[in-house]
Amino acid sequence: MSARDQLLVVIDPVARRTDGESVRIAKDVLGAAASVRVCLPDGPEDFAKALARRGARRPVVVGDDRALIRAVGVLHRERELSSCALSVVPVGATQVLTRALGVPSGAVAAARAVLEGVERRLDLLVDDRDGVVLGELRIPPVCGVGSGSGVGASSGAGASGGAPDGPAGAEGHRPWLRSCQSFVRTLASRPSRVASVPGPAPARLRVEADGVLVVDLDQPVEGVFLTPGDDGYAEVEVRRSSVGAEAAALRVRARTITVSGSDFRYRADAVVAGPVRTRTWTVRPGAWGLTLPK
């Protein structure tokens, strides 16, 4: 049996908890056509140890985007990415990155791609602290919607729907109910303070691409986006803040990108990091391999 037919299947604990059926299907499909050794790590440390002890077996990650990012990060820190092609069977709620990379969705199709696919070498963004970016990096990170809008909506629903829920004429027998409903209507009619809170202020950042200044601290920006390409360069987009007419985004291609300024956070793939004062990302051409359909 060739080394290609010997697999180390590392099943992320989140995948086991969220979709045990897809995990079982993936194991069955892989086990029917290859020699499989299954590893069930309990956490990140066990996950890293399993990859380090893979021997000649091809590593197959069963999990979501975070599991794939973790695997690439572990192999990068061990300096073993160049000699190892990863495979992934996406299982879990977060599969944006794996789909963008071309991995089939669904346990059966993804498992067959592991068995029948080919290795594709992909560029990688590596920062000055050995962090990796497979898909997109965004500064500042996308902020989730606060719970305040939900509270306001539920209050409005309760105010408008409170009377019909009880029997007709209930207010006449329960004067306290009429007072409560009046109070709720008063609250619901007031503008929500949470909804009026403005979004994050434009950031003051200095962005350099291959040593060339793209934007300086005197020009506030709405966002900075970095994406590794497939030719040794990263795509860099800087969206400047403007008053009135929309400012055109600045787009450049570079091998090394440095961002500095006041403390800022960034989202690298599915992980938010920071705050930091400065960070440099460098493109590593063809640094990692992923098994994809032919």
C-alpha atoms as a PDB file:
ATOM      1  CA  MET A   1       0.000   0.000   0.000  1.00  0.00           C
ATOM      2  CA  SER A   2       1.425   3.398  -1.019  1.00  0.00           C
ATOM      3  CA  ALA A   3       1.915   6.279   1.395  1.00  0.00           C
ATOM      4  CA  ARG A   4      -0.941   8.084  -0.361  1.00  0.00           C
ATOM      5  CA  ASP A   5      -3.320   5.339   0.780  1.00  0.00           C
ATOM      6  CA  GLN A   6      -2.294   5.679   4.436  1.00  0.00           C
ATOM      7  CA  LEU A   7      -4.247   8.372   6.216  1.00  0.00           C
ATOM      8  CA  LEU A   8      -4.162   9.983   9.640  1.00  0.00           C
ATOM      9  CA  VAL A   9      -7.709  11.232  10.217  1.00  0.00           C
ATOM     10  CA  VAL A  10      -7.740  13.909  12.923  1.00  0.00           C
ATOM     11  CA  ILE A  11     -11.314  14.619  14.011  1.00  0.00           C
ATOM     12  CA  ASP A  12     -11.768  18.006  15.662  1.00  0.00           C
ATOM     13  CA  PRO A  13     -13.751  17.840  18.936  1.00  0.00           C
ATOM     14  CA  VAL A  14     -16.136  20.579  17.764  1.00  0.00           C
ATOM     15  CA  ALA A  15     -17.022  18.482  14.701  1.00  0.00           C
ATOM     16  CA  ARG A  16     -17.731  15.468  16.890  1.00  0.00           C
ATOM     17  CA  ARG A  17     -20.099  17.498  19.046  1.00  0.00           C
ATOM     18  CA  THR A  18     -21.919  19.373  16.298  1.00  0.00           C
ATOM     19  CA  ASP A  19     -22.373  16.755  13.565  1.00  0.00           C
ATOM     20  CA  GLY A  20     -21.493  13.231  14.604  1.00  0.00           C
ATOM     21  CA  GLU A  21     -23.336  11.752  11.625  1.00  0.00           C
ATOM     22  CA  SER A  22     -21.159  13.565   9.070  1.00  0.00           C
ATOM     23  CA  VAL A  23     -18.070  12.487  11.001  1.00  0.00           C
ATOM     24  CA  ARG A  24     -19.203   8.847  10.854  1.00  0.00           C
ATOM     25  CA  ILE A  25     -19.888   9.081   7.110  1.00  0.00           C
ATOM     26  CA  ALA A  26     -16.444  10.591   6.464  1.00  0.00           C
ATOM     27  CA  LYS A  27     -14.738   7.801   8.429  1.00  0.00           C
ATOM     28  CA  ASP A  28     -16.702   5.130   6.541  1.00  0.00           C
ATOM     29  CA  VAL A  29     -15.900   6.539   3.086  1.00  0.00           C
ATOM     30  CA  LEU A  30     -12.202   7.004   3.883  1.00  0.00           C
ATOM     31  CA  GLY A  31     -11.871   3.657   5.649  1.00  0.00           C
ATOM     32  CA  ALA A  32     -13.404   1.771   2.720  1.00  0.00           C
ATOM     33  CA  ALA A  33     -10.608   2.834   0.340  1.00  0.00           C
ATOM     34  CA  ALA A  34      -7.533   3.505   2.484  1.00  0.00           C
ATOM     35  CA  SER A  35      -5.663   2.474   5.600  1.00  0.00           C
ATOM     36  CA  VAL A  36      -6.992   4.859   8.232  1.00  0.00           C
ATOM     37  CA  ARG A  37      -5.752   5.686  11.690  1.00  0.00           C
ATOM     38  CA  VAL A  38      -8.266   7.833  13.543  1.00  0.00           C
ATOM     39  CA  CYS A  39      -7.222  10.363  16.172  1.00  0.00           C
ATOM     40  CA  LEU A  40      -9.709  12.056  18.515  1.00  0.00           C
ATOM     41  CA  PRO A  41      -7.894  14.983  20.160  1.00  0.00           C
ATOM     42  CA  ASP A  42      -9.501  16.645  23.168  1.00  0.00           C
ATOM     43  CA  GLY A  43      -8.037  20.091  22.492  1.00  0.00           C
ATOM     44  CA  PRO A  44      -5.438  22.146  20.585  1.00  0.00           C
ATOM     45  CA  GLU A  45      -2.476  20.522  22.347  1.00  0.00           C
ATOM     46  CA  ASP A  46      -3.609  16.989  21.490  1.00  0.00           C
ATOM     47  CA  PHE A  47      -4.419  18.187  17.980  1.00  0.00           C
ATOM     48  CA  ALA A  48      -0.820  19.394  17.500  1.00  0.00           C
ATOM     49  CA  LYS A  49       0.641  16.198  18.945  1.00  0.00           C
ATOM     50  CA  ALA A  50      -1.424  14.064  16.582  1.00  0.00           C
ATOM     51  CA  LEU A  51      -0.094  15.919  13.534  1.00  0.00           C
ATOM     52  CA  ALA A  52       3.476  15.726  14.827  1.00  0.00           C
ATOM     53  CA  ARG A  53       3.194  11.925  15.163  1.00  0.00           C
ATOM     54  CA  ARG A  54       1.655  11.301  11.752  1.00  0.00           C
ATOM     55  CA  GLY A  55       4.736   9.547  10.373  1.00  0.00           C
ATOM     56  CA  ALA A  56       4.307   8.746   6.671  1.00  0.00           C
ATOM     57  CA  ARG A  57       0.525   9.060   6.772  1.00  0.00           C
ATOM     58  CA  ARG A  58      -1.292  11.850   4.968  1.00  0.00           C
ATOM     59  CA  PRO A  59      -3.108  14.098   7.467  1.00  0.00           C
ATOM     60  CA  VAL A  60      -6.843  14.530   6.966  1.00  0.00           C
ATOM     61  CA  VAL A  61      -8.606  17.110   9.128  1.00  0.00           C
ATOM     62  CA  VAL A  62     -12.291  16.555   9.823  1.00  0.00           C
ATOM     63  CA  GLY A  63     -13.618  19.854  11.102  1.00  0.00           C
ATOM     64  CA  ASP A  64     -14.518  23.432  10.245  1.00  0.00           C
ATOM     65  CA  ASP A  65     -12.462  26.431   9.094  1.00  0.00           C
ATOM     66  CA  ARG A  66     -10.828  26.848  12.500  1.00  0.00           C
ATOM     67  CA  ALA A  67      -9.614  23.248  12.480  1.00  0.00           C
ATOM     68  CA  LEU A  68      -7.994  23.738   9.062  1.00  0.00           C
ATOM     69  CA  ILE A  69      -6.366  27.009  10.169  1.00  0.00           C
ATOM     70  CA  ARG A  70      -5.068  25.290  13.307  1.00  0.00           C
ATOM     71  CA  ALA A  71      -3.560  22.446  11.260  1.00  0.00           C
ATOM     72  CA  VAL A  72      -1.782  24.807   8.853  1.00  0.00           C
ATOM     73  CA  GLY A  73      -0.497  26.857  11.797  1.00  0.00           C
ATOM     74  CA  VAL A  74       0.881  23.773  13.570  1.00  0.00           C
ATOM     75  CA  LEU A  75       2.669  22.481  10.469  1.00  0.00           C
ATOM     76  CA  HIS A  76       4.030  25.954   9.720  1.00  0.00           C
ATOM     77  CA  ARG A  77       5.510  26.323  13.187  1.00  0.00           C
ATOM     78  CA  GLU A  78       7.050  22.855  12.855  1.00  0.00           C
ATOM     79  CA  ARG A  79       8.426  23.900   9.452  1.00  0.00           C
ATOM     80  CA  GLU A  80       6.788  20.876   7.821  1.00  0.00           C
ATOM     81  CA  LEU A  81       4.324  22.537   5.451  1.00  0.00           C
ATOM     82  CA  SER A  82       6.569  22.112   2.419  1.00  0.00           C
ATOM     83  CA  SER A  83       6.689  18.328   2.802  1.00  0.00           C
ATOM     84  CA  CYS A  84       3.064  17.739   3.760  1.00  0.00           C
ATOM     85  CA  ALA A  85      -0.172  18.030   1.789  1.00  0.00           C
ATOM     86  CA  LEU A  86      -3.263  18.575   3.931  1.00  0.00           C
ATOM     87  CA  SER A  87      -6.716  17.260   3.228  1.00  0.00           C
ATOM     88  CA  VAL A  88      -9.923  18.399   4.877  1.00  0.00           C
ATOM     89  CA  VAL A  89     -13.473  17.142   5.235  1.00  0.00           C
ATOM     90  CA  PRO A  90     -15.516  20.207   6.283  1.00  0.00           C
ATOM     91  CA  VAL A  91     -17.785  19.447   9.239  1.00  0.00           C
ATOM     92  CA  GLY A  92     -19.215  22.207  11.411  1.00  0.00           C
ATOM     93  CA  ALA A  93     -20.969  25.552  11.158  1.00  0.00           C
ATOM     94  CA  THR A  94     -18.056  27.605   9.787  1.00  0.00           C
ATOM     95  CA  GLN A  95     -17.125  26.493   6.268  1.00  0.00           C
ATOM     96  CA  VAL A  96     -16.632  29.816   4.468  1.00  0.00           C
ATOM     97  CA  LEU A  97     -12.879  29.379   4.034  1.00  0.00           C
ATOM     98  CA  THR A  98     -12.957  25.755   2.900  1.00  0.00           C
ATOM     99  CA  ARG A  99     -15.596  26.531   0.274  1.00  0.00           C
ATOM    100  CA  ALA A 100     -13.609  29.512  -0.993  1.00  0.00           C
ATOM    101  CA  LEU A 101     -10.552  27.273  -1.347  1.00  0.00           C
ATOM    102  CA  GLY A 102     -12.506  24.801  -3.480  1.00  0.00           C
ATOM    103  CA  VAL A 103     -13.144  22.006  -0.982  1.00  0.00           C
ATOM    104  CA  PRO A 104     -16.465  20.245  -1.732  1.00  0.00           C
ATOM    105  CA  SER A 105     -19.238  20.608   0.821  1.00  0.00           C
ATOM    106  CA  GLY A 106     -20.785  17.443   2.173  1.00  0.00           C
ATOM    107  CA  ALA A 107     -18.973  14.595   3.903  1.00  0.00           C
ATOM    108  CA  VAL A 108     -19.173  12.134   0.998  1.00  0.00           C
ATOM    109  CA  ALA A 109     -17.949  14.516  -1.727  1.00  0.00           C
ATOM    110  CA  ALA A 110     -15.162  15.900   0.472  1.00  0.00           C
ATOM    111  CA  ALA A 111     -13.998  12.425   1.501  1.00  0.00           C
ATOM    112  CA  ARG A 112     -13.885  11.309  -2.129  1.00  0.00           C
ATOM    113  CA  ALA A 113     -11.816  14.388  -2.968  1.00  0.00           C
ATOM    114  CA  VAL A 114      -9.346  13.314  -0.263  1.00  0.00           C
ATOM    115  CA  LEU A 115      -9.019   9.910  -1.938  1.00  0.00           C
ATOM    116  CA  GLU A 116      -9.112  10.935  -5.593  1.00  0.00           C
ATOM    117  CA  GLY A 117      -8.007  14.577  -5.652  1.00  0.00           C
ATOM    118  CA  VAL A 118      -4.669  16.208  -6.386  1.00  0.00           C
ATOM    119  CA  GLU A 119      -2.438  18.455  -4.317  1.00  0.00           C
ATOM    120  CA  ARG A 120      -2.547  22.150  -5.110  1.00  0.00           C
ATOM    121  CA  ARG A 121       0.149  24.436  -3.720  1.00  0.00           C
ATOM    122  CA  LEU A 122      -1.223  27.675  -2.270  1.00  0.00           C
ATOM    123  CA  ASP A 123       0.320  30.949  -1.151  1.00  0.00           C
ATOM    124  CA  LEU A 124       0.334  31.802   2.535  1.00  0.00           C
ATOM    125  CA  LEU A 125       0.498  35.080   4.440  1.00  0.00           C
ATOM    126  CA  VAL A 126       2.772  34.841   7.483  1.00  0.00           C
ATOM    127  CA  ASP A 127       3.089  37.632  10.047  1.00  0.00           C
ATOM    128  CA  ASP A 128       6.090  38.628  12.128  1.00  0.00           C
ATOM    129  CA  ARG A 129       4.787  36.551  15.056  1.00  0.00           C
ATOM    130  CA  ASP A 130       4.469  33.372  12.959  1.00  0.00           C
ATOM    131  CA  GLY A 131       0.708  33.682  12.557  1.00  0.00           C
ATOM    132  CA  VAL A 132      -0.787  32.465   9.265  1.00  0.00           C
ATOM    133  CA  VAL A 133      -3.536  33.744   6.964  1.00  0.00           C
ATOM    134  CA  LEU A 134      -5.092  31.349   4.445  1.00  0.00           C
ATOM    135  CA  GLY A 135      -7.981  33.424   3.117  1.00  0.00           C
ATOM    136  CA  GLU A 136      -8.623  37.062   4.046  1.00  0.00           C
ATOM    137  CA  LEU A 137      -7.351  39.471   6.647  1.00  0.00           C
ATOM    138  CA  ARG A 138      -9.410  42.509   7.606  1.00  0.00           C
ATOM    139  CA  ILE A 139      -8.555  45.578   9.681  1.00  0.00           C
ATOM    140  CA  PRO A 140     -10.570  46.447  11.705  1.00  0.00           C
ATOM    141  CA  PRO A 141     -12.437  43.139  12.193  1.00  0.00           C
ATOM    142  CA  VAL A 142     -16.121  42.942  11.342  1.00  0.00           C
ATOM    143  CA  CYS A 143     -18.134  43.718  14.483  1.00  0.00           C
ATOM    144  CA  GLY A 144     -21.150  41.578  15.270  1.00  0.00           C
ATOM    145  CA  VAL A 145     -24.589  43.143  15.661  1.00  0.00           C
ATOM    146  CA  GLY A 146     -25.300  43.950  19.282  1.00  0.00           C
ATOM    147  CA  SER A 147     -28.205  42.497  21.173  1.00  0.00           C
ATOM    148  CA  GLY A 148     -29.799  45.893  21.624  1.00  0.00           C
ATOM    149  CA  SER A 149     -31.752  45.724  18.364  1.00  0.00           C
ATOM    150  CA  GLY A 150     -33.161  42.385  19.383  1.00  0.00           C
ATOM    151  CA  VAL A 151     -34.294  43.780  22.719  1.00  0.00           C
ATOM    152  CA  GLY A 152     -36.020  46.683  21.019  1.00  0.00           C
ATOM    153  CA  ALA A 153     -37.775  44.372  18.588  1.00  0.00           C
ATOM    154  CA  SER A 154     -39.034  42.069  21.296  1.00  0.00           C
ATOM    155  CA  SER A 155     -40.318  45.004  23.309  1.00  0.00           C
ATOM    156  CA  GLY A 156     -42.255  46.252  20.322  1.00  0.00           C
ATOM    157  CA  ALA A 157     -43.743  42.822  19.666  1.00  0.00           C
ATOM    158  CA  GLY A 158     -44.743  42.468  23.279  1.00  0.00           C
ATOM    159  CA  ALA A 159     -46.452  45.856  23.309  1.00  0.00           C
ATOM    160  CA  SER A 160     -48.467  45.284  20.195  1.00  0.00           C
ATOM    161  CA  GLY A 161     -49.319  41.682  20.985  1.00  0.00           C
ATOM    162  CA  GLY A 162     -50.007  41.947  24.713  1.00  0.00           C
ATOM    163  CA  ALA A 163     -53.753  42.685  24.627  1.00  0.00           C
ATOM    164  CA  PRO A 164     -54.912  39.936  22.256  1.00  0.00           C
ATOM    165  CA  ASP A 165     -53.102  37.226  24.276  1.00  0.00           C
ATOM    166  CA  GLY A 166     -55.564  37.469  27.156  1.00  0.00           C
ATOM    167  CA  PRO A 167     -59.344  37.001  27.160  1.00  0.00           C
ATOM    168  CA  ALA A 168     -61.515  39.849  25.871  1.00  0.00           C
ATOM    169  CA  GLY A 169     -62.137  42.527  28.445  1.00  0.00           C
ATOM    170  CA  ALA A 170     -59.356  41.275  30.720  1.00  0.00           C
ATOM    171  CA  GLU A 171     -58.164  44.834  31.322  1.00  0.00           C
ATOM    172  CA  GLY A 172     -61.446  45.677  33.012  1.00  0.00           C
ATOM    173  CA  HIS A 173     -60.912  42.981  35.638  1.00  0.00           C
ATOM    174  CA  ARG A 174     -57.169  43.543  35.913  1.00  0.00           C
ATOM    175  CA  PRO A 175     -56.443  47.291  36.144  1.00  0.00           C
ATOM    176  CA  TRP A 176     -52.765  46.538  36.883  1.00  0.00           C
ATOM    177  CA  LEU A 177     -52.481  44.854  33.465  1.00  0.00           C
ATOM    178  CA  ARG A 178     -53.677  48.019  31.693  1.00  0.00           C
ATOM    179  CA  SER A 179     -51.055  50.061  33.583  1.00  0.00           C
ATOM    180  CA  CYS A 180     -48.270  47.617  32.661  1.00  0.00           C
ATOM    181  CA  GLN A 181     -49.271  47.625  28.986  1.00  0.00           C
ATOM    182  CA  SER A 182     -49.324  51.413  28.936  1.00  0.00           C
ATOM    183  CA  PHE A 183     -45.851  51.488  30.475  1.00  0.00           C
ATOM    184  CA  VAL A 184     -44.514  48.997  27.906  1.00  0.00           C
ATOM    185  CA  ARG A 185     -46.011  51.017  25.025  1.00  0.00           C
ATOM    186  CA  THR A 186     -44.279  54.121  26.366  1.00  0.00           C
ATOM    187  CA  LEU A 187     -40.931  52.351  26.425  1.00  0.00           C
ATOM    188  CA  ALA A 188     -41.421  50.870  22.962  1.00  0.00           C
ATOM    189  CA  SER A 189     -42.214  54.268  21.467  1.00  0.00           C
ATOM    190  CA  ARG A 190     -38.950  55.778  22.696  1.00  0.00           C
ATOM    191  CA  PRO A 191     -36.000  55.667  20.295  1.00  0.00           C
ATOM    192  CA  SER A 192     -33.534  52.917  21.131  1.00  0.00           C
ATOM    193  CA  ARG A 193     -30.321  54.262  22.619  1.00  0.00           C
ATOM    194  CA  VAL A 194     -28.418  51.179  21.460  1.00  0.00           C
ATOM    195  CA  ALA A 195     -29.577  51.597  17.871  1.00  0.00           C
ATOM    196  CA  SER A 196     -28.303  55.159  17.824  1.00  0.00           C
ATOM    197  CA  VAL A 197     -24.787  54.220  18.902  1.00  0.00           C
ATOM    198  CA  PRO A 198     -22.487  54.972  15.959  1.00  0.00           C
ATOM    199  CA  GLY A 199     -20.281  52.275  14.433  1.00  0.00           C
ATOM    200  CA  PRO A 200     -16.527  52.115  14.965  1.00  0.00           C
ATOM    201  CA  ALA A 201     -14.708  55.309  14.095  1.00  0.00           C
ATOM    202  CA  PRO A 202     -12.399  55.311  11.058  1.00  0.00           C
ATOM    203  CA  ALA A 203      -8.948  53.994  11.918  1.00  0.00           C
ATOM    204  CA  ARG A 204      -5.722  55.983  11.684  1.00  0.00           C
ATOM    205  CA  LEU A 205      -3.272  53.559  10.111  1.00  0.00           C
ATOM    206  CA  ARG A 206      -0.052  53.675   8.142  1.00  0.00           C
ATOM    207  CA  VAL A 207       0.041  51.063   5.392  1.00  0.00           C
ATOM    208  CA  GLU A 208       3.207  50.207   3.470  1.00  0.00           C
ATOM    209  CA  ALA A 209       3.425  47.734   0.594  1.00  0.00           C
ATOM    210  CA  ASP A 210       6.915  46.528  -0.315  1.00  0.00           C
ATOM    211  CA  GLY A 211       8.300  49.615   1.406  1.00  0.00           C
ATOM    212  CA  VAL A 212       6.077  52.043  -0.526  1.00  0.00           C
ATOM    213  CA  LEU A 213       3.649  54.181   1.473  1.00  0.00           C
ATOM    214  CA  VAL A 214       0.024  53.499   0.507  1.00  0.00           C
ATOM    215  CA  VAL A 215      -1.744  55.591   3.142  1.00  0.00           C
ATOM    216  CA  ASP A 216      -0.480  57.527   6.160  1.00  0.00           C
ATOM    217  CA  LEU A 217      -1.892  58.379   9.563  1.00  0.00           C
ATOM    218  CA  ASP A 218      -3.371  61.668   8.367  1.00  0.00           C
ATOM    219  CA  GLN A 219      -5.878  59.837   6.135  1.00  0.00           C
ATOM    220  CA  PRO A 220      -8.452  57.853   8.163  1.00  0.00           C
ATOM    221  CA  VAL A 221      -9.484  54.533   6.646  1.00  0.00           C
ATOM    222  CA  GLU A 222     -12.639  52.443   6.906  1.00  0.00           C
ATOM    223  CA  GLY A 223     -10.793  49.186   6.385  1.00  0.00           C
ATOM    224  CA  VAL A 224      -7.708  47.400   5.114  1.00  0.00           C
ATOM    225  CA  PHE A 225      -8.004  44.013   3.392  1.00  0.00           C
ATOM    226  CA  LEU A 226      -5.219  41.543   2.572  1.00  0.00           C
ATOM    227  CA  THR A 227      -5.690  38.382   0.541  1.00  0.00           C
ATOM    228  CA  PRO A 228      -2.959  35.950  -0.534  1.00  0.00           C
ATOM    229  CA  GLY A 229      -2.997  35.391  -4.287  1.00  0.00           C
ATOM    230  CA  ASP A 230      -1.616  32.503  -6.302  1.00  0.00           C
ATOM    231  CA  ASP A 231       1.464  34.137  -7.846  1.00  0.00           C
ATOM    232  CA  GLY A 232       3.573  35.160  -4.873  1.00  0.00           C
ATOM    233  CA  TYR A 233       1.768  38.466  -4.287  1.00  0.00           C
ATOM    234  CA  ALA A 234      -0.961  39.557  -1.900  1.00  0.00           C
ATOM    235  CA  GLU A 235      -3.908  41.692  -2.954  1.00  0.00           C
ATOM    236  CA  VAL A 236      -4.072  44.810  -0.774  1.00  0.00           C
ATOM    237  CA  GLU A 237      -7.152  47.037  -0.623  1.00  0.00           C
ATOM    238  CA  VAL A 238      -7.380  50.202   1.474  1.00  0.00           C
ATOM    239  CA  ARG A 239     -10.815  51.825   1.790  1.00  0.00           C
ATOM    240  CA  ARG A 240     -10.378  55.445   2.763  1.00  0.00           C
ATOM    241  CA  SER A 241     -12.883  57.330   4.860  1.00  0.00           C
ATOM    242  CA  SER A 242     -14.482  60.300   3.141  1.00  0.00           C
ATOM    243  CA  VAL A 243     -17.080  63.006   3.643  1.00  0.00           C
ATOM    244  CA  GLY A 244     -19.638  63.390   0.883  1.00  0.00           C
ATOM    245  CA  ALA A 245     -18.576  61.589  -2.277  1.00  0.00           C
ATOM    246  CA  GLU A 246     -17.234  58.075  -1.734  1.00  0.00           C
ATOM    247  CA  ALA A 247     -13.452  57.876  -1.903  1.00  0.00           C
ATOM    248  CA  ALA A 248     -12.019  55.376  -4.347  1.00  0.00           C
ATOM    249  CA  ALA A 249     -10.382  52.356  -2.751  1.00  0.00           C
ATOM    250  CA  LEU A 250      -6.622  52.000  -3.159  1.00  0.00           C
ATOM    251  CA  ARG A 251      -5.537  48.630  -4.549  1.00  0.00           C
ATOM    252  CA  VAL A 252      -1.979  47.363  -4.845  1.00  0.00           C
ATOM    253  CA  ARG A 253      -0.142  44.041  -5.019  1.00  0.00           C
ATOM    254  CA  ALA A 254       2.810  43.367  -2.764  1.00  0.00           C
ATOM    255  CA  ARG A 255       4.952  40.668  -1.193  1.00  0.00           C
ATOM    256  CA  THR A 256       5.336  42.404   2.185  1.00  0.00           C
ATOM    257  CA  ILE A 257       2.727  44.577   3.898  1.00  0.00           C
ATOM    258  CA  THR A 258       3.277  46.533   7.110  1.00  0.00           C
ATOM    259  CA  VAL A 259       0.426  48.162   9.025  1.00  0.00           C
ATOM    260  CA  SER A 260       1.089  50.429  12.012  1.00  0.00           C
ATOM    261  CA  GLY A 261      -0.679  53.060  14.044  1.00  0.00           C
ATOM    262  CA  SER A 262      -2.695  53.248  17.240  1.00  0.00           C
ATOM    263  CA  ASP A 263      -3.750  49.943  18.795  1.00  0.00           C
ATOM    264  CA  PHE A 264      -5.772  47.985  16.261  1.00  0.00           C
ATOM    265  CA  ARG A 265      -7.360  44.560  16.017  1.00  0.00           C
ATOM    266  CA  TYR A 266      -7.594  42.432  12.910  1.00  0.00           C
ATOM    267  CA  ARG A 267      -9.446  39.367  11.749  1.00  0.00           C
ATOM    268  CA  ALA A 268      -7.270  36.717  10.101  1.00  0.00           C
ATOM    269  CA  ASP A 269      -9.598  34.152   8.515  1.00  0.00           C
ATOM    270  CA  ALA A 270     -11.880  33.182  11.423  1.00  0.00           C
ATOM    271  CA  VAL A 271      -9.718  34.472  14.280  1.00  0.00           C
ATOM    272  CA  VAL A 272      -9.626  37.983  15.767  1.00  0.00           C
ATOM    273  CA  ALA A 273      -6.198  39.072  17.068  1.00  0.00           C
ATOM    274  CA  GLY A 274      -4.724  42.133  18.734  1.00  0.00           C
ATOM    275  CA  PRO A 275      -4.617  44.849  19.795  1.00  0.00           C
ATOM    276  CA  VAL A 276      -1.208  45.572  18.283  1.00  0.00           C
ATOM    277  CA  ARG A 277       0.721  48.710  17.304  1.00  0.00           C
ATOM    278  CA  THR A 278       2.383  47.265  14.199  1.00  0.00           C
ATOM    279  CA  ARG A 279       2.351  44.040  12.232  1.00  0.00           C
ATOM    280  CA  THR A 280       4.048  42.882   9.046  1.00  0.00           C
ATOM    281  CA  TRP A 281       2.720  40.164   6.744  1.00  0.00           C
ATOM    282  CA  THR A 282       4.871  38.436   4.136  1.00  0.00           C
ATOM    283  CA  VAL A 283       3.726  36.228   1.269  1.00  0.00           C
ATOM    284  CA  ARG A 284       5.172  32.698   1.189  1.00  0.00           C
ATOM    285  CA  PRO A 285       4.581  31.462  -2.386  1.00  0.00           C
ATOM    286  CA  GLY A 286       3.272  27.906  -2.626  1.00  0.00           C
ATOM    287  CA  ALA A 287       3.928  27.424   1.073  1.00  0.00           C
ATOM    288  CA  TRP A 288       1.231  24.862   1.748  1.00  0.00           C
ATOM    289  CA  GLY A 289      -0.561  22.105  -0.108  1.00  0.00           C
ATOM    290  CA  LEU A 290      -4.268  21.237  -0.078  1.00  0.00           C
ATOM    291  CA  THR A 291      -5.884  18.219  -1.711  1.00  0.00           C
ATOM    292  CA  LEU A 292      -8.647  19.387  -4.058  1.00  0.00           C
ATOM    293  CA  PRO A 293     -10.813  17.667  -6.692  1.00  0.00           C
ATOM    294  CA  LYS A 294      -9.188  17.091 -10.079  1.00  0.00           C
END
